[in-house]
C-alpha cells in the first residue's frame, strides 16, 4: 500500500512494543528499516527520483504509524 501512495499504516490490537517495532522496520527504508525501494509507483508520484537517499529520508519522515490499543494486554 505504501508504494501506491498511502502514507500511514494502522496496527489494530497492538499488544506489545515488539509488534510496533516490527511494523516500523517494514515501513522504513534502510538503515531505519527493511522496506525496499519501488521506483515509479505512487509513493514517488510515478516519477523518477534524482536523489534516492534524500527521497527515502523524506518518505521515512512522512510515513505514519497508528497503533490501536484495544486490550488489557496492550495497555
Protein backbone atom coordinates (compact mmCIF):
# COMPACT_ATOMS: atom_id res chain seq x y z
CA UNK A 1 0.00 0.00 0.00
CA UNK A 2 2.88 2.39 0.70
CA UNK A 3 4.07 2.04 -2.90
CA UNK A 4 0.58 3.05 -4.04
CA UNK A 5 0.87 6.34 -2.18
CA UNK A 6 -0.60 5.55 1.25
CA UNK A 7 1.29 7.50 3.93
CA UNK A 8 0.07 5.70 7.04
CA UNK A 9 -0.45 2.19 8.34
CA UNK A 10 -2.69 1.19 11.25
CA UNK A 11 -1.85 -1.70 13.53
CA UNK A 12 -5.05 -3.00 15.15
CA UNK A 13 -5.00 -4.80 18.50
CA UNK A 14 -1.48 -3.65 19.29
CA UNK A 15 -0.31 -5.53 22.35
CA UNK A 16 3.46 -5.10 22.51
CA UNK A 17 6.34 -2.80 21.73
CA UNK A 18 7.78 -5.64 19.64
CA UNK A 19 4.76 -5.54 17.31
CA UNK A 20 5.22 -1.80 16.77
CA UNK A 21 8.96 -2.15 16.19
CA UNK A 22 8.35 -4.93 13.66
CA UNK A 23 5.85 -2.81 11.74
CA UNK A 24 8.22 0.17 11.80
CA UNK A 25 11.00 -2.00 10.38
CA UNK A 26 8.71 -2.97 7.48
CA UNK A 27 7.71 0.59 6.54
CA UNK A 28 11.02 2.44 6.98
CA UNK A 29 13.87 2.37 4.49
CA UNK A 30 17.38 1.25 5.48
CA UNK A 31 19.10 1.90 7.76
CA UNK A 32 15.96 2.53 9.89
CA UNK A 33 14.09 -0.45 8.47
CA UNK A 34 13.92 -3.11 5.79
CA UNK A 35 11.49 -1.60 3.27
CA UNK A 36 12.55 -1.97 -0.36
CA UNK A 37 12.51 0.92 -2.81
CA UNK A 38 9.96 0.64 -5.61
CA UNK A 39 10.60 3.46 -8.11
CA UNK A 40 7.90 4.66 -10.43
CA UNK A 41 4.99 3.94 -8.09
CA UNK A 42 2.54 6.24 -6.34
CA UNK A 43 4.95 6.82 -3.48
CA UNK A 44 7.22 8.69 -5.91
CA UNK A 45 4.35 10.36 -7.82
CA UNK A 46 5.14 7.97 -10.70
CA UNK A 47 8.26 9.99 -11.48
CA UNK A 48 11.96 9.31 -11.37
CA UNK A 49 13.81 10.32 -8.23
CA UNK A 50 17.06 12.25 -8.61
CA UNK A 51 18.46 11.69 -5.10
CA UNK A 52 17.31 8.42 -3.60
CA UNK A 53 18.77 8.95 -0.12
CA UNK A 54 17.05 12.32 0.26
CA UNK A 55 13.81 10.82 -1.06
CA UNK A 56 13.98 7.84 1.32
CA UNK A 57 14.71 10.12 4.28
CA UNK A 58 11.72 12.32 3.38
CA UNK A 59 9.47 9.27 2.99
CA UNK A 60 10.57 7.93 6.38
CA UNK A 61 9.70 11.28 7.99
CA UNK A 62 6.28 11.39 6.31
CA UNK A 63 5.20 7.80 6.97
CA UNK A 64 2.79 7.47 9.88
CA UNK A 65 2.07 4.50 12.14
CA UNK A 66 -1.15 4.44 14.17
CA UNK A 67 -1.49 1.81 16.86
CA UNK A 68 -4.80 0.67 18.28
CA UNK A 69 -4.61 -0.28 21.95
CA UNK A 70 -7.75 -2.35 22.38
CA UNK A 71 -6.94 -4.93 25.05
CA UNK A 72 -5.76 -5.01 28.63
CA UNK A 73 -2.52 -6.61 27.44
CA UNK A 74 -1.94 -3.73 25.04
CA UNK A 75 -2.50 -1.23 27.82
